[in-house]
């Protein structure tokens, strides 16, 4: 998850199985993503780069680049949030040793949210996410590989998720349905 999409992170220690199920016996990490904004229109953008140095290297070339932007807004009963992020890294090996080349990592992430507030009692939220991740890794059998990681030792993942979340508020509570 790109840091720019996170609104807050909560760490709840102790038994939380009554709220989050039996898998939460010792605690829960709850990551809340940003929501569509109440301002008319706004946005932000970022660009940063860095090195992939270790305790024994001192490279000065940029080997990690992250960039992205988001646009958000609100018009009467409709609000939206759109964000696009890209990360690219090249310069640190996933295995230890002297015969291993530097591995590559690339991620593209698109996040879209649209909220309709029909009334104080009824709201309908839609979301869509797209992630594409590519990376290379070292030869799992060790030693110098005569075949490039780009050919055989790579991983590609593509995910698309969408859903909606209707909420109805009544005098003593709310009905909330999460679908995905």
N, C-alpha and C. Protein backbone atom coordinates (compact mmCIF):
# COMPACT_ATOMS: atom_id res chain seq x y z
N UNK A 1 0.85 -1.17 0.00
CA UNK A 1 0.00 0.00 0.00
C UNK A 1 0.90 1.23 0.00
N UNK A 2 0.75 2.10 -0.97
CA UNK A 2 1.54 3.33 -0.94
C UNK A 2 1.19 4.17 0.28
N UNK A 3 2.19 4.74 0.93
CA UNK A 3 1.99 5.52 2.15
C UNK A 3 1.05 6.69 1.90
N UNK A 4 1.08 7.25 0.70
CA UNK A 4 0.24 8.41 0.40
C UNK A 4 -1.25 8.08 0.41
N UNK A 5 -1.63 6.79 0.35
CA UNK A 5 -3.03 6.41 0.37
C UNK A 5 -3.54 6.09 1.77
N UNK A 6 -2.64 6.10 2.77
CA UNK A 6 -3.03 5.71 4.12
C UNK A 6 -3.48 6.92 4.93
N UNK A 7 -4.64 6.82 5.55
CA UNK A 7 -5.13 7.86 6.44
C UNK A 7 -4.60 7.65 7.85
N UNK A 8 -4.68 6.40 8.35
CA UNK A 8 -4.16 6.11 9.69
C UNK A 8 -3.92 4.60 9.84
N UNK A 9 -3.07 4.26 10.82
CA UNK A 9 -2.78 2.87 11.16
C UNK A 9 -3.04 2.71 12.64
N UNK A 10 -3.86 1.74 13.00
CA UNK A 10 -4.15 1.45 14.40
C UNK A 10 -3.59 0.08 14.75
N UNK A 11 -2.92 0.00 15.89
CA UNK A 11 -2.42 -1.29 16.38
C UNK A 11 -3.17 -1.58 17.67
N UNK A 12 -3.98 -2.63 17.64
CA UNK A 12 -4.78 -3.00 18.80
C UNK A 12 -4.19 -4.27 19.41
N UNK A 13 -3.62 -4.13 20.58
CA UNK A 13 -2.98 -5.26 21.25
C UNK A 13 -4.02 -6.06 22.03
N UNK A 14 -3.72 -7.31 22.23
CA UNK A 14 -4.59 -8.16 23.03
C UNK A 14 -5.61 -8.89 22.19
N UNK A 15 -6.42 -9.67 22.85
CA UNK A 15 -7.42 -10.50 22.19
C UNK A 15 -8.49 -9.62 21.55
N UNK A 16 -8.60 -9.68 20.24
CA UNK A 16 -9.60 -8.90 19.51
C UNK A 16 -10.52 -9.82 18.72
N UNK A 17 -10.58 -11.08 19.09
CA UNK A 17 -11.35 -12.05 18.32
C UNK A 17 -12.84 -11.79 18.35
N UNK A 18 -13.35 -11.12 19.37
CA UNK A 18 -14.78 -10.84 19.40
C UNK A 18 -15.17 -9.83 18.34
N UNK A 19 -14.27 -8.94 17.96
CA UNK A 19 -14.56 -7.95 16.93
C UNK A 19 -14.11 -8.40 15.54
N UNK A 20 -12.96 -9.10 15.44
CA UNK A 20 -12.34 -9.37 14.15
C UNK A 20 -12.21 -10.85 13.81
N UNK A 21 -12.79 -11.74 14.58
CA UNK A 21 -12.74 -13.17 14.27
C UNK A 21 -11.61 -13.88 14.97
N UNK A 22 -11.59 -15.20 14.86
CA UNK A 22 -10.64 -16.03 15.60
C UNK A 22 -9.20 -15.82 15.17
N UNK A 23 -8.96 -15.29 13.97
CA UNK A 23 -7.61 -15.04 13.51
C UNK A 23 -6.95 -13.86 14.23
N UNK A 24 -7.71 -13.12 15.02
CA UNK A 24 -7.19 -11.94 15.72
C UNK A 24 -7.01 -12.23 17.20
N UNK A 25 -6.49 -13.39 17.52
CA UNK A 25 -6.38 -13.81 18.92
C UNK A 25 -5.38 -12.97 19.72
N UNK A 26 -4.32 -12.48 19.07
CA UNK A 26 -3.31 -11.74 19.82
C UNK A 26 -3.25 -10.25 19.48
N UNK A 27 -4.00 -9.82 18.50
CA UNK A 27 -4.01 -8.40 18.16
C UNK A 27 -4.40 -8.16 16.72
N UNK A 28 -4.57 -6.89 16.38
CA UNK A 28 -5.01 -6.51 15.03
C UNK A 28 -4.24 -5.26 14.60
N UNK A 29 -3.82 -5.24 13.35
CA UNK A 29 -3.29 -4.02 12.73
C UNK A 29 -4.35 -3.57 11.74
N UNK A 30 -4.94 -2.41 11.99
CA UNK A 30 -6.02 -1.88 11.16
C UNK A 30 -5.49 -0.71 10.34
N UNK A 31 -5.45 -0.87 9.02
CA UNK A 31 -4.96 0.17 8.12
C UNK A 31 -6.18 0.80 7.44
N UNK A 32 -6.39 2.09 7.65
CA UNK A 32 -7.51 2.81 7.06
C UNK A 32 -7.00 3.68 5.93
N UNK A 33 -7.57 3.50 4.74
CA UNK A 33 -7.18 4.30 3.59
C UNK A 33 -7.92 5.63 3.59
N UNK A 34 -7.37 6.59 2.88
CA UNK A 34 -8.00 7.90 2.78
C UNK A 34 -9.36 7.79 2.10
N UNK A 35 -10.24 8.68 2.47
CA UNK A 35 -11.58 8.72 1.91
C UNK A 35 -11.70 9.91 0.97
N UNK A 36 -12.79 9.94 0.22
CA UNK A 36 -13.06 11.10 -0.62
C UNK A 36 -13.20 12.32 0.27
N UNK A 37 -12.80 13.45 -0.22
CA UNK A 37 -12.69 14.67 0.58
C UNK A 37 -13.98 15.49 0.58
N UNK A 38 -14.10 16.38 1.56
CA UNK A 38 -15.23 17.30 1.63
C UNK A 38 -14.93 18.65 0.98
N UNK A 39 -13.71 18.89 0.50
CA UNK A 39 -13.39 20.15 -0.18
C UNK A 39 -13.91 20.09 -1.61
N UNK A 40 -14.11 21.25 -2.23
CA UNK A 40 -14.66 21.29 -3.59
C UNK A 40 -13.77 20.52 -4.56
N UNK A 41 -12.50 20.86 -4.60
CA UNK A 41 -11.54 20.11 -5.42
C UNK A 41 -10.14 20.37 -4.87
N UNK A 42 -9.33 19.37 -4.91
CA UNK A 42 -7.97 19.50 -4.41
C UNK A 42 -7.12 18.37 -4.95
N UNK A 43 -5.88 18.38 -4.57
CA UNK A 43 -5.00 17.33 -5.02
C UNK A 43 -3.62 17.46 -4.41
N UNK A 44 -2.81 16.46 -4.63
CA UNK A 44 -1.42 16.52 -4.22
C UNK A 44 -0.60 15.63 -5.14
N UNK A 45 0.67 15.87 -5.16
CA UNK A 45 1.58 15.09 -5.98
C UNK A 45 2.89 14.94 -5.22
N UNK A 46 3.62 13.89 -5.52
CA UNK A 46 4.91 13.68 -4.87
C UNK A 46 5.87 13.02 -5.85
N UNK A 47 7.14 13.24 -5.61
CA UNK A 47 8.21 12.61 -6.37
C UNK A 47 9.39 12.49 -5.42
N UNK A 48 9.91 11.30 -5.25
CA UNK A 48 11.10 11.14 -4.43
C UNK A 48 11.97 10.03 -5.00
N UNK A 49 13.24 10.09 -4.67
CA UNK A 49 14.16 9.06 -5.12
C UNK A 49 15.20 8.83 -4.05
N UNK A 50 15.85 7.69 -4.12
CA UNK A 50 16.86 7.36 -3.14
C UNK A 50 17.77 6.26 -3.64
N UNK A 51 18.73 5.91 -2.81
CA UNK A 51 19.67 4.86 -3.16
C UNK A 51 19.27 3.58 -2.44
N UNK A 52 19.84 2.49 -2.86
CA UNK A 52 19.63 1.19 -2.22
C UNK A 52 20.93 0.78 -1.53
N UNK A 53 21.49 1.66 -0.73
CA UNK A 53 22.75 1.38 -0.07
C UNK A 53 22.58 0.37 1.06
N UNK A 54 23.64 -0.34 1.29
CA UNK A 54 23.71 -1.22 2.46
C UNK A 54 24.83 -0.68 3.35
N UNK A 55 25.12 -1.39 4.42
CA UNK A 55 26.16 -0.92 5.33
C UNK A 55 27.55 -0.96 4.70
N UNK A 56 27.72 -1.68 3.58
CA UNK A 56 29.04 -1.78 2.96
C UNK A 56 29.10 -1.11 1.58
N UNK A 57 28.01 -0.48 1.12
CA UNK A 57 28.04 0.20 -0.18
C UNK A 57 27.75 1.68 0.01
N UNK A 58 28.19 2.46 -0.96
CA UNK A 58 27.91 3.90 -0.93
C UNK A 58 27.65 4.39 -2.36
N UNK A 59 26.58 3.93 -2.94
CA UNK A 59 26.21 4.34 -4.30
C UNK A 59 25.57 5.73 -4.23
N UNK A 60 25.78 6.52 -5.27
CA UNK A 60 25.16 7.85 -5.27
C UNK A 60 24.09 7.98 -6.35
N UNK A 61 23.97 7.02 -7.24
CA UNK A 61 22.94 7.07 -8.28
C UNK A 61 21.58 6.71 -7.69
N UNK A 62 20.55 7.33 -8.22
CA UNK A 62 19.19 7.04 -7.77
C UNK A 62 18.79 5.65 -8.25
N UNK A 63 18.46 4.78 -7.31
CA UNK A 63 18.07 3.42 -7.65
C UNK A 63 16.62 3.12 -7.27
N UNK A 64 15.99 4.05 -6.57
CA UNK A 64 14.59 3.88 -6.21
C UNK A 64 13.87 5.19 -6.52
N UNK A 65 12.79 5.09 -7.28
CA UNK A 65 12.02 6.27 -7.66
C UNK A 65 10.56 6.01 -7.34
N UNK A 66 9.93 6.94 -6.66
CA UNK A 66 8.50 6.86 -6.32
C UNK A 66 7.85 8.16 -6.75
N UNK A 67 6.71 8.04 -7.42
CA UNK A 67 5.98 9.23 -7.80
C UNK A 67 4.49 8.91 -7.85
N UNK A 68 3.69 9.94 -7.71
CA UNK A 68 2.26 9.74 -7.77
C UNK A 68 1.50 11.04 -7.57
N UNK A 69 0.20 10.94 -7.72
CA UNK A 69 -0.65 12.11 -7.50
C UNK A 69 -2.03 11.63 -7.08
N UNK A 70 -2.78 12.52 -6.50
CA UNK A 70 -4.19 12.25 -6.20
C UNK A 70 -5.00 13.50 -6.43
N UNK A 71 -6.25 13.29 -6.83
CA UNK A 71 -7.21 14.36 -7.04
C UNK A 71 -8.46 13.98 -6.26
N UNK A 72 -9.02 14.94 -5.54
CA UNK A 72 -10.20 14.66 -4.72
C UNK A 72 -11.12 15.85 -4.74
N UNK A 73 -12.38 15.61 -4.42
CA UNK A 73 -13.31 16.72 -4.41
C UNK A 73 -14.70 16.33 -3.98
N UNK A 74 -15.56 17.35 -3.92
CA UNK A 74 -16.92 17.17 -3.44
C UNK A 74 -17.81 18.17 -4.18
N UNK A 75 -18.92 17.69 -4.70
CA UNK A 75 -19.91 18.55 -5.35
C UNK A 75 -21.28 18.12 -4.85
N UNK A 76 -21.84 18.91 -3.97
CA UNK A 76 -23.15 18.65 -3.36
C UNK A 76 -23.17 17.28 -2.69
N UNK A 77 -23.81 16.29 -3.28
CA UNK A 77 -23.96 14.98 -2.62
C UNK A 77 -22.99 13.93 -3.15
N UNK A 78 -22.04 14.33 -4.00
CA UNK A 78 -21.09 13.39 -4.59
C UNK A 78 -19.68 13.81 -4.22
N UNK A 79 -18.87 12.86 -3.78
CA UNK A 79 -17.46 13.11 -3.51
C UNK A 79 -16.63 12.02 -4.18
N UNK A 80 -15.36 12.33 -4.46
CA UNK A 80 -14.51 11.37 -5.16
C UNK A 80 -13.06 11.50 -4.71
N UNK A 81 -12.31 10.44 -4.95
CA UNK A 81 -10.87 10.40 -4.72
C UNK A 81 -10.26 9.50 -5.79
N UNK A 82 -9.27 10.01 -6.49
CA UNK A 82 -8.54 9.22 -7.48
C UNK A 82 -7.05 9.39 -7.20
N UNK A 83 -6.33 8.29 -7.11
CA UNK A 83 -4.88 8.38 -6.91
C UNK A 83 -4.16 7.36 -7.77
N UNK A 84 -3.01 7.76 -8.27
CA UNK A 84 -2.16 6.91 -9.09
C UNK A 84 -0.75 6.99 -8.53
N UNK A 85 -0.13 5.83 -8.29
CA UNK A 85 1.21 5.76 -7.72
C UNK A 85 2.06 4.80 -8.53
N UNK A 86 3.35 5.14 -8.64
CA UNK A 86 4.30 4.25 -9.31
C UNK A 86 5.59 4.22 -8.50
N UNK A 87 6.09 3.03 -8.25
CA UNK A 87 7.37 2.83 -7.57
C UNK A 87 8.24 1.95 -8.44
N UNK A 88 9.52 2.28 -8.50
CA UNK A 88 10.47 1.51 -9.28
C UNK A 88 11.77 1.43 -8.51
N UNK A 89 12.32 0.23 -8.37
CA UNK A 89 13.55 0.06 -7.63
C UNK A 89 14.47 -0.88 -8.40
N UNK A 90 15.74 -0.53 -8.41
CA UNK A 90 16.74 -1.36 -9.05
C UNK A 90 18.05 -1.13 -8.32
N UNK A 91 18.52 -2.13 -7.60
CA UNK A 91 19.80 -1.89 -6.97
C UNK A 91 20.12 -2.68 -5.74
N UNK A 92 19.26 -3.56 -5.30
CA UNK A 92 19.62 -4.35 -4.12
C UNK A 92 19.27 -5.81 -4.41
N UNK A 93 20.14 -6.71 -4.05
CA UNK A 93 19.95 -8.12 -4.33
C UNK A 93 19.08 -8.75 -3.25
N UNK A 94 18.24 -9.70 -3.66
CA UNK A 94 17.39 -10.41 -2.71
C UNK A 94 18.14 -11.55 -2.03
N UNK A 95 19.35 -11.85 -2.49
CA UNK A 95 20.15 -12.92 -1.90
C UNK A 95 21.49 -12.36 -1.47
N UNK A 96 22.12 -13.04 -0.53
CA UNK A 96 23.40 -12.58 0.00
C UNK A 96 24.54 -13.29 -0.73
N UNK A 97 25.57 -12.57 -1.02
CA UNK A 97 26.74 -13.17 -1.67
C UNK A 97 27.33 -12.21 -2.67
N UNK A 98 28.43 -12.61 -3.28
CA UNK A 98 29.12 -11.72 -4.22
C UNK A 98 28.72 -11.99 -5.67
N UNK A 99 28.12 -13.13 -5.96
CA UNK A 99 27.80 -13.47 -7.35
C UNK A 99 26.35 -13.17 -7.73
N UNK A 100 25.69 -12.34 -6.99
CA UNK A 100 24.30 -12.06 -7.28
C UNK A 100 24.14 -10.65 -7.83
N UNK A 101 23.30 -10.54 -8.88
CA UNK A 101 23.07 -9.24 -9.49
C UNK A 101 21.98 -8.49 -8.73
N UNK A 102 21.83 -7.23 -9.07
CA UNK A 102 20.81 -6.40 -8.44
C UNK A 102 19.45 -6.71 -9.03
N UNK A 103 18.44 -6.84 -8.18
CA UNK A 103 17.11 -7.21 -8.62
C UNK A 103 16.25 -5.97 -8.85
N UNK A 104 15.19 -6.15 -9.63
CA UNK A 104 14.31 -5.04 -10.00
C UNK A 104 12.94 -5.23 -9.36
N UNK A 105 12.27 -4.10 -9.09
CA UNK A 105 10.92 -4.11 -8.55
C UNK A 105 10.16 -2.93 -9.15
N UNK A 106 8.93 -3.16 -9.58
CA UNK A 106 8.10 -2.10 -10.12
C UNK A 106 6.66 -2.32 -9.68
N UNK A 107 5.99 -1.24 -9.25
CA UNK A 107 4.59 -1.34 -8.84
C UNK A 107 3.83 -0.13 -9.36
N UNK A 108 2.66 -0.40 -9.95
CA UNK A 108 1.73 0.65 -10.35
C UNK A 108 0.44 0.39 -9.58
N UNK A 109 -0.11 1.46 -8.99
CA UNK A 109 -1.31 1.31 -8.18
C UNK A 109 -2.28 2.44 -8.53
N UNK A 110 -3.52 2.09 -8.81
CA UNK A 110 -4.58 3.05 -9.09
C UNK A 110 -5.71 2.82 -8.10
N UNK A 111 -6.18 3.87 -7.47
CA UNK A 111 -7.24 3.77 -6.47
C UNK A 111 -8.32 4.79 -6.82
N UNK A 112 -9.58 4.35 -6.88
CA UNK A 112 -10.69 5.24 -7.21
C UNK A 112 -11.82 5.01 -6.21
N UNK A 113 -12.34 6.11 -5.64
CA UNK A 113 -13.49 6.04 -4.73
C UNK A 113 -14.50 7.10 -5.15
N UNK A 114 -15.78 6.73 -5.16
CA UNK A 114 -16.86 7.66 -5.43
C UNK A 114 -17.94 7.40 -4.38
N UNK A 115 -18.38 8.47 -3.73
CA UNK A 115 -19.39 8.37 -2.66
C UNK A 115 -20.61 9.20 -3.04
N UNK A 116 -21.80 8.61 -2.83
CA UNK A 116 -23.07 9.30 -3.04
C UNK A 116 -23.77 9.41 -1.70
N UNK A 117 -24.05 10.61 -1.26
CA UNK A 117 -24.78 10.84 -0.02
C UNK A 117 -26.20 11.26 -0.39
N UNK A 118 -27.10 10.26 -0.46
CA UNK A 118 -28.47 10.53 -0.87
C UNK A 118 -29.23 11.34 0.18
N UNK A 119 -28.92 11.04 1.46
CA UNK A 119 -29.54 11.76 2.57
C UNK A 119 -28.66 11.54 3.80
N UNK A 120 -29.06 12.11 4.92
CA UNK A 120 -28.33 11.89 6.17
C UNK A 120 -28.42 10.43 6.59
N UNK A 121 -29.44 9.71 6.12
CA UNK A 121 -29.65 8.32 6.54
C UNK A 121 -29.09 7.29 5.57
N UNK A 122 -28.88 7.66 4.30
CA UNK A 122 -28.47 6.66 3.31
C UNK A 122 -27.29 7.17 2.49
N UNK A 123 -26.21 6.36 2.46
CA UNK A 123 -25.00 6.68 1.70
C UNK A 123 -24.58 5.44 0.91
N UNK A 124 -24.01 5.67 -0.25
CA UNK A 124 -23.56 4.57 -1.08
C UNK A 124 -22.16 4.91 -1.58
N UNK A 125 -21.19 4.04 -1.29
CA UNK A 125 -19.79 4.23 -1.63
C UNK A 125 -19.35 3.15 -2.62
N UNK A 126 -18.63 3.55 -3.66
CA UNK A 126 -18.07 2.62 -4.63
C UNK A 126 -16.55 2.76 -4.62
N UNK A 127 -15.84 1.66 -4.90
CA UNK A 127 -14.38 1.73 -5.00
C UNK A 127 -13.89 0.78 -6.08
N UNK A 128 -12.73 1.10 -6.63
CA UNK A 128 -12.03 0.23 -7.58
C UNK A 128 -10.53 0.43 -7.34
N UNK A 129 -9.79 -0.67 -7.38
CA UNK A 129 -8.33 -0.64 -7.21
C UNK A 129 -7.69 -1.50 -8.29
N UNK A 130 -6.55 -1.05 -8.77
CA UNK A 130 -5.76 -1.82 -9.72
C UNK A 130 -4.32 -1.81 -9.25
N UNK A 131 -3.69 -2.98 -9.21
CA UNK A 131 -2.28 -3.11 -8.84
C UNK A 131 -1.58 -3.98 -9.87
N UNK A 132 -0.41 -3.55 -10.29
CA UNK A 132 0.44 -4.35 -11.17
C UNK A 132 1.83 -4.33 -10.58
N UNK A 133 2.35 -5.51 -10.28
CA UNK A 133 3.66 -5.63 -9.63
C UNK A 133 4.53 -6.56 -10.47
N UNK A 134 5.76 -6.12 -10.73
CA UNK A 134 6.76 -6.93 -11.43
C UNK A 134 8.03 -6.91 -10.62
N UNK A 135 8.69 -8.05 -10.51
CA UNK A 135 9.99 -8.07 -9.86
C UNK A 135 10.81 -9.25 -10.36
N UNK A 136 12.12 -9.10 -10.23
CA UNK A 136 13.03 -10.20 -10.54
C UNK A 136 13.65 -10.67 -9.24
N UNK A 137 14.16 -11.89 -9.26
CA UNK A 137 14.81 -12.44 -8.08
C UNK A 137 15.97 -13.32 -8.51
N UNK A 138 16.84 -13.63 -7.57
CA UNK A 138 18.05 -14.38 -7.89
C UNK A 138 17.76 -15.86 -8.13
N UNK A 139 18.69 -16.49 -8.81
CA UNK A 139 18.61 -17.92 -9.07
C UNK A 139 18.46 -18.66 -7.74
N UNK A 140 17.38 -19.41 -7.55
CA UNK A 140 17.16 -20.05 -6.25
C UNK A 140 18.18 -21.15 -5.92
N UNK A 141 18.98 -21.58 -6.90
CA UNK A 141 19.94 -22.64 -6.64
C UNK A 141 21.34 -22.10 -6.39
N UNK A 142 21.48 -20.78 -6.33
CA UNK A 142 22.77 -20.16 -5.99
C UNK A 142 23.72 -20.10 -7.17
N UNK A 143 24.81 -19.41 -6.93
CA UNK A 143 25.85 -19.32 -7.95
C UNK A 143 25.49 -18.34 -9.05
N UNK A 144 26.36 -18.25 -10.03
CA UNK A 144 26.15 -17.35 -11.15
C UNK A 144 25.16 -17.98 -12.11
N UNK A 145 24.15 -17.24 -12.45
CA UNK A 145 23.15 -17.71 -13.40
C UNK A 145 23.53 -17.22 -14.79
N UNK A 146 23.53 -18.13 -15.77
CA UNK A 146 23.86 -17.75 -17.14
C UNK A 146 22.63 -17.27 -17.89
N UNK A 147 21.49 -17.34 -17.25
CA UNK A 147 20.25 -16.88 -17.84
C UNK A 147 19.78 -15.67 -17.04
N UNK A 148 19.44 -14.63 -17.71
CA UNK A 148 19.03 -13.39 -17.05
C UNK A 148 17.80 -13.60 -16.19
N UNK A 149 17.73 -12.90 -15.05
CA UNK A 149 16.55 -12.93 -14.20
C UNK A 149 15.31 -12.46 -14.96
N UNK A 150 15.50 -11.56 -15.92
CA UNK A 150 14.37 -11.04 -16.67
C UNK A 150 13.65 -12.14 -17.45
N UNK A 151 14.36 -13.23 -17.77
CA UNK A 151 13.77 -14.30 -18.57
C UNK A 151 13.06 -15.32 -17.69
N UNK A 152 13.73 -15.86 -16.66
CA UNK A 152 13.15 -16.94 -15.88
C UNK A 152 12.85 -16.58 -14.42
N UNK A 153 13.69 -15.82 -13.78
CA UNK A 153 13.53 -15.55 -12.36
C UNK A 153 12.79 -14.23 -12.16
N UNK A 154 11.49 -14.25 -12.48
CA UNK A 154 10.70 -13.05 -12.32
C UNK A 154 9.29 -13.39 -11.86
N UNK A 155 8.63 -12.38 -11.36
CA UNK A 155 7.26 -12.54 -10.88
C UNK A 155 6.44 -11.38 -11.41
N UNK A 156 5.26 -11.69 -11.90
CA UNK A 156 4.32 -10.67 -12.38
C UNK A 156 2.98 -10.91 -11.72
N UNK A 157 2.40 -9.86 -11.18
CA UNK A 157 1.11 -9.96 -10.50
C UNK A 157 0.24 -8.80 -10.92
N UNK A 158 -1.01 -9.09 -11.25
CA UNK A 158 -1.96 -8.05 -11.63
C UNK A 158 -3.26 -8.33 -10.89
N UNK A 159 -3.79 -7.31 -10.22
CA UNK A 159 -5.02 -7.48 -9.44
C UNK A 159 -5.96 -6.32 -9.74
N UNK A 160 -7.23 -6.65 -9.85
CA UNK A 160 -8.27 -5.63 -10.00
C UNK A 160 -9.37 -5.96 -9.00
N UNK A 161 -9.73 -4.98 -8.18
CA UNK A 161 -10.77 -5.17 -7.17
C UNK A 161 -11.78 -4.04 -7.30
N UNK A 162 -13.04 -4.38 -7.06
CA UNK A 162 -14.06 -3.34 -7.02
C UNK A 162 -15.15 -3.78 -6.05
N UNK A 163 -15.92 -2.84 -5.60
CA UNK A 163 -17.00 -3.16 -4.68
C UNK A 163 -17.81 -1.92 -4.34
N UNK A 164 -18.82 -2.14 -3.52
CA UNK A 164 -19.62 -1.01 -3.05
C UNK A 164 -20.00 -1.25 -1.60
N UNK A 165 -20.37 -0.16 -0.95
CA UNK A 165 -20.63 -0.19 0.48
C UNK A 165 -21.84 0.71 0.79
N UNK A 166 -23.06 0.13 0.80
CA UNK A 166 -24.22 0.93 1.21
C UNK A 166 -24.29 1.04 2.73
N UNK A 167 -24.67 2.22 3.22
CA UNK A 167 -24.84 2.44 4.65
C UNK A 167 -26.20 3.08 4.89
N UNK A 168 -26.93 2.52 5.84
CA UNK A 168 -28.21 3.10 6.23
C UNK A 168 -28.17 3.33 7.74
N UNK A 169 -28.42 4.58 8.15
CA UNK A 169 -28.40 4.95 9.56
C UNK A 169 -29.83 5.02 10.08
N UNK A 170 -30.09 4.40 11.22
CA UNK A 170 -31.40 4.50 11.86
C UNK A 170 -31.21 4.97 13.28
N UNK A 171 -32.28 5.15 14.02
CA UNK A 171 -32.24 5.84 15.32
C UNK A 171 -31.30 5.19 16.34
N UNK A 172 -31.12 3.87 16.31
CA UNK A 172 -30.29 3.22 17.33
C UNK A 172 -29.09 2.49 16.74
N UNK A 173 -28.71 2.83 15.52
CA UNK A 173 -27.56 2.16 14.94
C UNK A 173 -27.45 2.40 13.45
N UNK A 174 -26.78 1.47 12.78
CA UNK A 174 -26.61 1.57 11.34
C UNK A 174 -26.53 0.19 10.72
N UNK A 175 -26.92 0.10 9.46
CA UNK A 175 -26.77 -1.11 8.66
C UNK A 175 -25.68 -0.80 7.65
N UNK A 176 -24.64 -1.64 7.63
CA UNK A 176 -23.46 -1.41 6.80
C UNK A 176 -23.13 -2.71 6.09
N UNK A 177 -23.13 -2.70 4.76
CA UNK A 177 -22.83 -3.89 3.96
C UNK A 177 -21.56 -3.64 3.17
N UNK A 178 -20.52 -4.45 3.39
CA UNK A 178 -19.26 -4.34 2.65
C UNK A 178 -19.22 -5.43 1.59
N UNK A 179 -19.05 -5.06 0.34
CA UNK A 179 -18.93 -6.03 -0.75
C UNK A 179 -17.64 -5.76 -1.51
N UNK A 180 -17.11 -6.80 -2.08
CA UNK A 180 -15.89 -6.65 -2.85
C UNK A 180 -15.81 -7.79 -3.85
